[in-house]
Protein backbone atom coordinates (compact mmCIF):
# COMPACT_ATOMS: atom_id res chain seq x y z
CA MET A 1 -182.91 -32.69 193.62
CA ARG A 2 -179.88 -30.42 193.53
CA LYS A 3 -179.21 -29.26 189.98
CA PHE A 4 -175.57 -29.36 188.89
CA THR A 5 -174.13 -25.93 188.14
CA ARG A 6 -172.71 -27.42 184.94
CA GLN A 7 -172.05 -30.87 183.54
CA THR A 8 -169.10 -29.92 181.32
CA LYS A 9 -165.86 -30.26 183.31
CA ILE A 10 -163.05 -27.72 183.69
CA ILE A 11 -159.28 -28.31 183.64
CA ALA A 12 -156.98 -25.58 184.97
CA THR A 13 -153.22 -25.50 184.44
CA ILE A 14 -151.35 -24.58 187.62
CA GLY A 15 -148.58 -21.98 187.60
CA PRO A 16 -147.32 -18.90 189.44
CA SER A 17 -150.79 -17.31 189.46
CA THR A 18 -152.46 -20.31 191.11
CA GLU A 19 -149.82 -22.33 192.99
CA SER A 20 -150.37 -20.87 196.47
CA GLU A 21 -152.58 -22.62 198.99
CA LYS A 22 -155.03 -19.72 198.97
CA GLU A 23 -155.35 -19.75 195.18
CA LEU A 24 -155.73 -23.54 194.99
CA ILE A 25 -158.51 -23.45 197.58
CA GLN A 26 -160.32 -20.85 195.49
CA LEU A 27 -159.85 -22.90 192.29
CA ILE A 28 -161.21 -26.11 193.81
CA LYS A 29 -164.10 -24.31 195.52
CA GLY A 30 -164.78 -22.65 192.16
CA GLY A 31 -165.37 -26.07 190.63
CA VAL A 32 -162.12 -27.00 188.86
CA ASP A 33 -162.22 -30.75 188.22
CA VAL A 34 -158.68 -31.48 187.02
CA LEU A 35 -155.39 -29.73 187.78
CA ARG A 36 -152.88 -29.81 184.92
CA LEU A 37 -149.12 -29.70 185.54
CA ASN A 38 -147.24 -28.72 182.38
CA MET A 39 -143.78 -30.31 182.20
CA ALA A 40 -142.65 -27.80 179.58
CA HIS A 41 -142.21 -25.35 182.46
CA ALA A 42 -142.08 -27.34 185.73
CA ASP A 43 -139.23 -28.92 187.70
CA HIS A 44 -139.48 -32.05 189.81
CA ASP A 45 -139.34 -30.40 193.23
CA TRP A 46 -142.20 -28.10 192.27
CA ILE A 47 -144.24 -31.08 191.02
CA ARG A 48 -143.84 -32.88 194.34
CA MET A 49 -144.74 -29.75 196.29
CA ILE A 50 -147.81 -28.78 194.26
CA THR A 51 -149.14 -32.36 194.20
CA GLU A 52 -148.91 -32.70 197.98
CA ARG A 53 -150.51 -29.28 198.47
CA SER A 54 -153.36 -30.00 196.04
CA ARG A 55 -154.14 -33.39 197.54
CA LYS A 56 -154.18 -31.99 201.08
CA ILE A 57 -156.54 -29.16 200.10
CA GLY A 58 -158.81 -31.51 198.14
CA LYS A 59 -159.26 -33.76 201.16
CA GLN A 60 -159.88 -30.79 203.44
CA LEU A 61 -162.60 -29.50 201.10
CA ASN A 62 -164.00 -33.01 200.53
CA ARG A 63 -163.67 -32.46 196.80
CA GLU A 64 -160.53 -34.03 195.39
CA PRO A 65 -159.61 -32.87 191.88
CA ALA A 66 -157.69 -35.20 189.61
CA ILE A 67 -154.09 -34.32 188.72
CA MET A 68 -152.80 -34.54 185.16
CA MET A 69 -149.12 -34.45 184.25
CA ASP A 70 -148.70 -33.14 180.70
CA VAL A 71 -145.39 -34.56 179.46
CA LYS A 72 -143.48 -32.34 177.09
CA GLY A 73 -143.05 -34.79 174.22
CA PRO A 74 -140.64 -34.54 171.30
CA GLU A 75 -139.86 -31.02 170.13
CA ILE A 76 -137.47 -29.12 167.91
CA ARG A 77 -136.24 -25.70 169.04
CA THR A 78 -133.85 -23.07 167.81
CA GLY A 79 -130.73 -22.39 169.87
CA TYR A 80 -129.64 -19.57 172.12
CA LEU A 81 -129.11 -16.13 170.59
CA HIS A 82 -126.91 -13.43 172.10
CA ARG A 83 -129.48 -10.89 170.98
CA GLU A 84 -132.81 -10.78 169.17
CA LEU A 85 -132.52 -10.89 165.38
CA GLU A 86 -134.52 -8.57 163.17
CA ILE A 87 -135.08 -10.56 160.00
CA LYS A 88 -136.63 -9.25 156.81
CA GLU A 89 -138.70 -10.73 154.02
CA LYS A 90 -136.49 -12.38 151.36
CA ASP A 91 -133.56 -12.70 153.80
CA LEU A 92 -131.68 -15.99 153.60
CA LEU A 93 -131.36 -18.04 156.77
CA ASP A 94 -129.45 -21.28 157.40
CA LEU A 95 -130.69 -23.79 159.94
CA VAL A 96 -127.51 -25.47 161.26
CA PHE A 97 -126.84 -28.23 163.78
CA VAL A 98 -123.65 -27.01 165.45
CA ALA A 99 -123.63 -23.68 167.23
CA GLN A 100 -122.32 -20.95 164.93
CA PRO A 101 -121.34 -17.33 165.66
CA ASN A 102 -124.26 -14.99 165.16
CA PRO A 103 -125.54 -12.59 164.05
CA PRO A 104 -124.68 -13.35 160.60
CA SER A 105 -121.82 -15.23 159.07
CA THR A 106 -119.41 -13.55 156.65
CA ASP A 107 -121.62 -14.02 153.60
CA GLY A 108 -124.51 -12.14 155.28
CA ILE A 109 -126.72 -15.19 155.83
CA TRP A 110 -128.22 -15.76 159.27
CA GLN A 111 -127.01 -18.91 161.06
CA ILE A 112 -129.66 -20.36 163.39
CA GLU A 113 -128.93 -23.49 165.38
CA VAL A 114 -131.60 -26.18 165.80
CA ASN A 115 -131.40 -29.10 168.24
CA TYR A 116 -132.23 -31.95 165.83
CA ASP A 117 -129.35 -32.98 163.57
CA LYS A 118 -131.45 -35.48 161.57
CA LEU A 119 -133.73 -32.74 160.31
CA PRO A 120 -132.20 -32.79 156.77
CA ASP A 121 -133.37 -36.40 156.40
CA HIS A 122 -136.96 -35.18 156.40
CA ILE A 123 -136.73 -31.78 154.65
CA ASN A 124 -136.83 -31.08 150.92
CA ALA A 125 -136.71 -27.97 148.76
CA GLY A 126 -140.10 -26.25 148.73
CA ASP A 127 -141.10 -27.39 152.22
CA THR A 128 -142.29 -24.91 154.82
CA VAL A 129 -140.63 -24.49 158.22
CA LEU A 130 -142.36 -22.44 160.91
CA LEU A 131 -140.60 -20.80 163.85
CA ASP A 132 -141.97 -19.31 167.07
CA ASN A 133 -145.38 -21.04 167.04
CA GLY A 134 -145.93 -20.23 163.38
CA LEU A 135 -145.18 -16.50 163.59
CA ILE A 136 -142.13 -16.81 161.32
CA GLN A 137 -142.51 -18.67 158.03
CA LEU A 138 -139.51 -20.01 156.10
CA LYS A 139 -139.44 -21.60 152.65
CA VAL A 140 -136.76 -24.26 152.14
CA ILE A 141 -134.46 -23.58 149.19
CA ASN A 142 -132.14 -26.57 149.59
CA SER A 143 -131.09 -29.07 152.23
CA SER A 144 -127.82 -30.81 153.09
CA LYS A 145 -126.37 -32.62 156.10
CA GLU A 146 -124.63 -29.41 157.20
CA LYS A 147 -127.47 -26.93 156.83
CA ILE A 148 -130.95 -26.20 155.54
CA ARG A 149 -131.07 -22.96 153.58
CA CYS A 150 -134.35 -21.07 153.78
CA GLU A 151 -135.89 -17.84 152.58
CA VAL A 152 -137.73 -15.69 155.12
CA GLN A 153 -141.33 -15.06 154.05
CA GLY A 154 -142.01 -11.95 156.14
CA ASP A 155 -140.47 -9.40 158.48
CA ALA A 156 -140.10 -10.69 162.03
CA ILE A 157 -138.13 -10.65 165.28
CA LEU A 158 -136.49 -13.96 166.19
CA LYS A 159 -135.71 -14.68 169.86
CA SER A 160 -133.85 -17.53 171.56
CA ARG A 161 -135.19 -21.05 172.00
CA ARG A 162 -138.21 -20.78 169.67
CA HIS A 163 -140.38 -23.73 168.66
CA VAL A 164 -139.84 -25.26 165.21
CA ASN A 165 -142.90 -26.72 163.45
CA LEU A 166 -142.86 -28.75 160.23
CA PRO A 167 -146.42 -28.84 158.82
CA GLY A 168 -147.16 -32.13 157.10
CA ILE A 169 -143.61 -33.44 157.56
CA GLU A 170 -142.94 -36.61 159.54
CA THR A 171 -139.78 -36.74 161.64
CA GLY A 172 -137.91 -39.56 163.34
CA LEU A 173 -138.29 -38.04 166.79
CA PRO A 174 -139.21 -40.59 169.49
CA SER A 175 -142.76 -40.47 170.83
CA LEU A 176 -141.38 -40.66 174.39
CA THR A 177 -138.17 -38.78 175.10
CA GLU A 178 -135.72 -39.36 177.95
CA LYS A 179 -137.01 -36.19 179.61
CA ASP A 180 -140.56 -37.54 179.35
CA ARG A 181 -139.46 -40.75 181.06
CA ARG A 182 -137.72 -38.88 183.90
CA ASP A 183 -140.69 -36.56 184.37
CA SER A 184 -143.21 -39.41 184.27
CA LEU A 185 -141.34 -41.29 187.00
CA VAL A 186 -141.92 -38.29 189.27
CA GLY A 187 -145.60 -38.29 188.30
CA ILE A 188 -145.77 -42.00 189.11
CA GLU A 189 -144.09 -41.34 192.45
CA CYS A 190 -146.73 -38.67 193.16
CA ASN A 191 -149.55 -41.01 192.06
CA HIS A 192 -150.86 -38.70 189.36
CA ASP A 193 -154.21 -39.70 187.91
CA PHE A 194 -153.60 -38.82 184.25
CA PHE A 195 -150.65 -38.42 181.92
CA ALA A 196 -151.16 -36.38 178.76
CA LEU A 197 -148.96 -37.59 175.89
CA SER A 198 -147.90 -34.73 173.62
CA PHE A 199 -147.82 -35.14 169.83
CA THR A 200 -149.48 -38.56 169.85
CA ARG A 201 -149.00 -39.86 166.30
CA ASP A 202 -150.52 -43.34 166.44
CA ALA A 203 -151.73 -46.14 168.71
CA ASP A 204 -148.18 -47.50 169.05
CA ALA A 205 -147.14 -44.31 170.85
CA VAL A 206 -149.96 -44.77 173.36
CA ASP A 207 -149.16 -48.46 173.84
CA LEU A 208 -145.48 -47.70 174.40
CA PHE A 209 -146.29 -45.11 177.04
CA ARG A 210 -148.80 -47.41 178.73
CA SER A 211 -146.19 -50.17 178.94
CA PHE A 212 -143.76 -47.70 180.51
CA LEU A 213 -146.35 -46.63 183.11
CA ARG A 214 -147.37 -50.21 183.96
CA ASP A 215 -143.76 -51.40 184.17
CA ASN A 216 -143.21 -48.69 186.77
CA GLY A 217 -146.30 -49.52 188.81
CA SER A 218 -148.77 -46.87 187.62
CA ASP A 219 -152.40 -47.49 186.67
CA ALA A 220 -152.85 -43.88 185.57
CA GLN A 221 -154.88 -43.17 182.46
CA ILE A 222 -153.41 -41.76 179.25
CA ILE A 223 -154.79 -38.70 177.50
CA ALA A 224 -153.60 -38.59 173.89
CA LYS A 225 -152.96 -35.06 172.63
CA LEU A 226 -153.98 -34.42 169.03
CA GLU A 227 -151.40 -31.92 167.76
CA ASP A 228 -150.26 -32.74 164.22
CA GLN A 229 -151.43 -34.09 160.87
CA LYS A 230 -150.15 -37.61 161.57
CA GLY A 231 -152.31 -37.76 164.70
CA VAL A 232 -155.33 -36.46 162.79
CA ALA A 233 -154.85 -39.16 160.13
CA ASN A 234 -154.71 -41.86 162.84
CA ILE A 235 -157.37 -40.42 165.12
CA ASP A 236 -159.59 -43.52 165.25
CA GLU A 237 -156.82 -45.87 166.37
CA ILE A 238 -155.56 -43.28 168.85
CA ILE A 239 -159.03 -42.94 170.42
CA GLN A 240 -159.34 -46.71 170.73
CA SER A 241 -155.91 -47.05 172.35
CA ALA A 242 -155.99 -44.05 174.71
CA ASP A 243 -158.25 -43.45 177.71
CA ALA A 244 -159.15 -39.93 176.58
CA LEU A 245 -158.37 -37.44 173.81
CA MET A 246 -157.26 -33.81 173.98
CA VAL A 247 -157.75 -31.53 170.99
CA ALA A 248 -154.65 -29.38 171.63
CA ARG A 249 -155.39 -26.51 169.29
CA GLY A 250 -152.13 -24.62 169.79
CA ASP A 251 -149.75 -26.81 167.82
CA LEU A 252 -152.63 -28.33 165.87
CA GLY A 253 -153.45 -24.88 164.52
CA ILE A 254 -149.85 -24.50 163.37
CA GLU A 255 -149.49 -27.97 161.88
CA CYS A 256 -152.83 -27.91 160.03
CA PRO A 257 -154.49 -25.24 157.87
CA PHE A 258 -156.50 -22.79 159.96
CA GLU A 259 -159.72 -23.51 158.13
CA GLU A 260 -159.42 -27.23 158.95
CA LEU A 261 -159.18 -26.70 162.71
CA PRO A 262 -162.93 -26.39 163.48
CA ILE A 263 -163.64 -29.45 161.34
CA ILE A 264 -160.92 -31.48 163.06
CA GLN A 265 -162.29 -30.44 166.46
CA ARG A 266 -165.86 -31.39 165.58
CA LYS A 267 -164.82 -34.77 164.19
CA ALA A 268 -162.54 -35.47 167.17
CA VAL A 269 -165.34 -34.76 169.65
CA GLY A 270 -167.83 -36.86 167.66
CA SER A 271 -165.47 -39.82 167.27
CA SER A 272 -164.63 -39.77 170.99
CA LEU A 273 -168.31 -39.72 171.94
CA SER A 274 -168.99 -42.66 169.63
CA ALA A 275 -166.24 -44.63 171.34
CA GLY A 276 -167.37 -43.64 174.84
CA LYS A 277 -164.07 -41.90 175.57
CA PRO A 278 -163.76 -38.48 177.27
CA VAL A 279 -162.60 -35.61 175.04
CA ILE A 280 -160.99 -32.30 176.02
CA VAL A 281 -160.97 -29.07 173.99
CA ALA A 282 -157.90 -27.05 174.93
CA THR A 283 -155.79 -23.96 174.21
CA HIS A 284 -156.72 -20.30 173.68
CA MET A 285 -160.17 -20.69 175.22
CA LEU A 286 -159.92 -17.34 177.02
CA GLU A 287 -156.45 -16.24 175.91
CA SER A 288 -157.22 -12.52 176.07
CA MET A 289 -158.04 -12.86 179.78
CA ILE A 290 -154.40 -13.47 180.60
CA ASP A 291 -154.27 -9.67 180.75
CA SER A 292 -157.87 -8.54 180.36
CA PRO A 293 -160.70 -8.87 182.93
CA VAL A 294 -163.18 -9.60 180.12
CA PRO A 295 -162.97 -12.00 177.17
CA THR A 296 -163.50 -11.29 173.50
CA ARG A 297 -166.88 -12.13 172.04
CA ALA A 298 -165.18 -14.66 169.78
CA GLU A 299 -163.78 -16.47 172.83
CA ILE A 300 -167.23 -16.66 174.39
CA SER A 301 -168.56 -18.22 171.18
CA ASP A 302 -165.59 -20.62 171.05
CA VAL A 303 -166.27 -21.91 174.58
CA ALA A 304 -169.99 -22.18 173.86
CA ASN A 305 -169.27 -24.12 170.67
CA ALA A 306 -167.08 -26.64 172.52
CA VAL A 307 -169.88 -27.20 175.06
CA ASN A 308 -172.50 -27.46 172.32
CA GLU A 309 -170.40 -30.01 170.39
CA GLY A 310 -170.34 -32.19 173.50
CA ALA A 311 -166.81 -31.90 174.89
CA ASP A 312 -166.36 -33.52 178.29
CA CYS A 313 -163.87 -30.87 179.39
CA ILE A 314 -162.71 -27.40 178.47
CA MET A 315 -159.17 -26.47 179.48
CA LEU A 316 -157.32 -23.33 180.48
CA SER A 317 -153.55 -22.90 180.06
CA GLY A 318 -151.91 -19.47 180.30
CA GLU A 319 -155.14 -18.05 181.70
CA THR A 320 -154.54 -19.83 185.03
CA THR A 321 -150.74 -20.17 185.04
CA THR A 322 -149.57 -16.59 184.56
CA GLY A 323 -152.84 -14.77 183.95
CA LYS A 324 -154.10 -11.91 186.07
CA TYR A 325 -157.68 -13.24 186.36
CA PRO A 326 -157.59 -17.04 186.88
CA HIS A 327 -160.70 -17.25 189.06
CA GLU A 328 -162.70 -14.93 186.84
CA CYS A 329 -161.86 -17.32 183.97
CA ILE A 330 -163.23 -20.30 185.92
CA GLN A 331 -166.38 -18.37 186.78
CA LEU A 332 -166.87 -17.36 183.16
CA LEU A 333 -166.42 -20.93 181.85
CA THR A 334 -169.00 -22.08 184.38
CA LYS A 335 -171.49 -19.40 183.32
CA ILE A 336 -171.08 -20.14 179.61
CA ALA A 337 -171.23 -23.91 180.03
CA SER A 338 -174.26 -23.74 182.31
CA ARG A 339 -176.14 -21.44 179.96
CA MET A 340 -175.38 -23.55 176.91
CA GLU A 341 -176.41 -26.77 178.66
CA ASP A 342 -179.75 -25.15 179.51
CA GLU A 343 -180.30 -24.54 175.80
CA ILE A 344 -179.42 -28.06 174.63
CA GLN A 345 -182.55 -30.08 173.89
CA PRO A 346 -182.75 -32.99 176.37
CA GLY A 347 -182.00 -36.28 174.69
CA LEU A 348 -179.42 -39.05 174.46
CA THR A 349 -176.75 -39.31 171.83
CA GLU A 350 -177.34 -42.08 169.31
CA ASN A 351 -173.68 -42.24 168.31
CA LEU A 352 -172.40 -44.19 171.31
CA LYS A 353 -171.94 -47.90 170.59
CA LEU A 354 -172.92 -50.05 173.59
CA PHE A 355 -172.15 -53.77 173.47
CA ARG A 356 -172.35 -55.37 176.92
CA PRO A 357 -175.88 -55.95 178.29
CA LYS A 358 -175.19 -53.91 181.43
CA ALA A 359 -173.89 -51.04 179.33
CA LYS A 360 -177.01 -51.18 177.16
CA MET A 361 -179.10 -50.89 180.32
CA LEU A 362 -177.57 -47.47 180.87
CA ARG A 363 -179.47 -46.02 177.94
CA SER A 364 -182.79 -47.06 179.47
CA ALA A 365 -181.75 -45.79 182.90
CA ALA A 366 -180.65 -42.43 181.53
CA MET A 367 -183.84 -42.02 179.47
CA LEU A 368 -185.99 -42.85 182.49
CA ALA A 369 -184.17 -40.31 184.67
CA MET A 370 -184.62 -37.61 182.04
CA ARG A 371 -188.36 -38.23 181.83
CA LEU A 372 -188.97 -38.20 185.58
CA GLU A 373 -189.03 -35.06 187.67
CA ASN A 374 -186.45 -34.64 190.45
CA SER A 375 -184.51 -37.72 189.41
CA ALA A 376 -180.89 -38.80 188.93
CA VAL A 377 -178.94 -41.86 187.81
CA LEU A 378 -176.83 -43.78 190.31
CA VAL A 379 -174.18 -46.33 189.23
CA PHE A 380 -171.55 -48.38 191.01
CA THR A 381 -168.26 -49.04 189.28
CA ARG A 382 -164.82 -50.50 189.90
CA SER A 383 -163.35 -49.98 186.44
CA GLY A 384 -164.98 -46.64 185.58
CA ASP A 385 -166.40 -48.05 182.36
CA LEU A 386 -170.07 -47.75 183.33
CA ALA A 387 -169.59 -44.16 184.45
CA ALA A 388 -167.74 -43.30 181.24
CA LYS A 389 -170.51 -44.80 179.11
CA LEU A 390 -173.19 -43.07 181.15
CA GLY A 391 -171.50 -39.70 180.70
CA ALA A 392 -170.99 -40.35 176.99
CA LEU A 393 -174.75 -40.79 176.56
CA ARG A 394 -175.06 -37.09 177.53
CA PRO A 395 -178.35 -37.24 179.48
CA ASN A 396 -178.55 -33.46 179.69
CA GLY A 397 -180.19 -32.20 182.86
CA ALA A 398 -180.12 -35.50 184.78
CA PRO A 399 -177.57 -35.57 187.64
CA LEU A 400 -175.20 -38.57 187.39
CA PHE A 401 -173.75 -40.08 190.57
CA ALA A 402 -170.99 -42.69 190.41
CA PHE A 403 -169.76 -44.60 193.48
CA THR A 404 -166.55 -46.62 193.55
CA ASP A 405 -164.53 -48.40 196.21
CA VAL A 406 -161.31 -48.04 194.20
CA ASN A 407 -159.10 -45.29 195.60
CA GLY A 408 -157.96 -42.97 192.80
CA LEU A 409 -160.77 -43.91 190.45
CA HIS A 410 -163.02 -41.40 192.22
CA ARG A 411 -160.60 -38.68 191.07
CA ARG A 412 -160.27 -39.98 187.51
CA LEU A 413 -164.06 -39.97 187.14
CA ARG A 414 -163.96 -36.18 187.43
CA LEU A 415 -162.83 -36.02 183.81
CA ILE A 416 -166.15 -37.41 182.56
CA TRP A 417 -169.05 -35.18 181.53
CA GLY A 418 -171.80 -34.95 184.14
CA ILE A 419 -170.35 -37.45 186.61
CA GLU A 420 -170.18 -36.56 190.31
CA PRO A 421 -167.94 -39.25 191.85
CA PHE A 422 -167.77 -40.65 195.38
CA LEU A 423 -165.35 -43.01 197.14
CA MET A 424 -167.12 -45.49 199.41
CA ASP A 425 -166.59 -49.04 200.64
CA PHE A 426 -168.93 -51.60 199.02
CA SER A 427 -170.76 -54.28 200.97
CA LYS A 428 -171.14 -57.86 199.80
CA ASP A 429 -174.87 -57.20 199.99
CA PRO A 430 -175.92 -54.89 197.09
CA GLU A 431 -178.81 -53.51 199.14
CA VAL A 432 -176.51 -52.36 201.92
CA THR A 433 -174.30 -50.65 199.33
CA ILE A 434 -177.31 -48.84 197.84
CA GLN A 435 -178.53 -47.65 201.23
CA ASN A 436 -175.05 -46.41 202.15
CA ALA A 437 -174.84 -44.49 198.86
CA ILE A 438 -178.25 -42.87 199.41
CA SER A 439 -177.19 -41.89 202.92
CA ARG A 440 -173.98 -40.36 201.58
CA LEU A 441 -175.88 -38.35 198.94
CA SER A 442 -178.37 -37.08 201.49
CA LYS A 443 -175.56 -35.65 203.60
CA GLY A 444 -174.17 -33.70 200.61
CA PRO A 445 -176.78 -32.45 200.28
CA TRP A 446 -177.29 -33.84 196.79
CA ILE A 447 -180.77 -35.30 197.21
CA ASP A 448 -183.94 -34.55 199.13
CA SER A 449 -186.82 -36.61 200.41
CA GLY A 450 -189.17 -37.48 197.54
CA ASP A 451 -186.44 -37.43 194.87
CA GLN A 452 -186.20 -40.45 192.58
CA LEU A 453 -183.02 -42.42 191.89
CA VAL A 454 -182.65 -44.65 188.85
CA ILE A 455 -180.09 -47.21 190.00
CA VAL A 456 -178.07 -49.54 187.78
CA THR A 457 -176.80 -52.29 190.07
CA ASN A 458 -176.65 -55.95 190.99
CA ALA A 459 -179.48 -57.61 192.94
CA PHE A 460 -179.94 -61.01 194.58
CA ALA A 461 -182.65 -63.28 193.14
CA HIS A 462 -182.88 -66.85 194.46
CA ASP A 463 -179.26 -66.65 195.63
CA LYS A 464 -178.12 -65.49 192.20
CA VAL A 465 -176.75 -62.07 191.28
CA VAL A 466 -178.62 -60.43 188.40
CA GLU A 467 -178.20 -57.08 186.67
CA SER A 468 -181.04 -54.68 187.37
CA ILE A 469 -182.43 -51.19 186.95
CA GLN A 470 -184.22 -50.03 190.08
CA LEU A 471 -186.30 -46.95 190.74
CA ARG A 472 -186.07 -45.78 194.35
CA VAL A 473 -187.96 -42.90 195.96
CA VAL A 474 -185.75 -41.21 198.53
CA GLU A 475 -187.16 -41.32 202.07
CA LEU A 476 -185.20 -39.26 204.58
């Protein structure tokens, strides 16, 4: 039985460092499972080009990665500055909503434009406003419809078009912006497999986005991004509504206290596993390797911790978009994940709630495969639910094969821990389907003669279809 290199999946964000055909071939051969396209930086022509290129290469290599469009979501930014501003601690700064001359106005107070004119409706004296991904902290002195006066809390350099974060403050920004809608239509046109919804605040945001996708003919799955305190408060309903969860630690680390971030991550992973939904740990996994050929020791421990907690996927952002060492990052994630999985004590999670009889059979099938030598679990699925539940059980060390006859589902299954997916036509006769699957695996080569397959499938008994677990010895 061929042992998987790793069962934790890898997502790589595509950018200038990895967009060429040569680089994409190397990424996919290196084991990347999902390609992420970040709409904060991409235009529509590039999306069409990179999707076509990725799909062509995936088919050539007989290993099609899934494609995820990460929609930008609602955001507040500062305006354009003619030059960088050097601001000092205790300086006064006005956030205004109509472009003003700068640097400063006649009374010596900085005038910084922001692109959300309803901001005063949500801001009060004493609140904290963060600029430039939290690097610049402002304390609100007073707020009016014309401006929000703040005091700078430390020396800093302010550049144009910086992010504005409001920790613990709810805004009236829409969960799906007009830009998100335009971008998503291109993703639908390109038949993207996943859409990641930024700043998911509640289940209603997921439901609204799903309605938009379905109304426009897409059956893509939705990955809810956990990025602010409102999302953390509503995490259970978000997990139930979405198809998968992403712990997006960049904005989450700005919106929430630093010391809470590891706790939020652990709870998010655990809650997703209990619900049988895939979960992604993202952002700053190997940030130093954007410029350095080796990671920090803290980054190695961070990746190992995500694997040990049970994340389905670990994700790279800047490391593979503009970084100098994208392929070294993939290799390193594979090494860390593989080593950590070797150390995890074999066993099934008890947190996953299984309700349907066929789903409950998975636990027995997975346990049997783990206790037999040279064995794997084989399932057949049209919805992906059985494969998702099987992966969520985390049968460490047992290869998991999932066959489907639904085009596109074979790519979406790549998000799930441990699952190796295959697209194959099903026969009306379950036995023919099983034999065809075994033949396909033997040509991989995934299996050898004498290996044992624990198969969860239908079987005929007195002209009736019954659910069954079968143990087959491979004979080639």
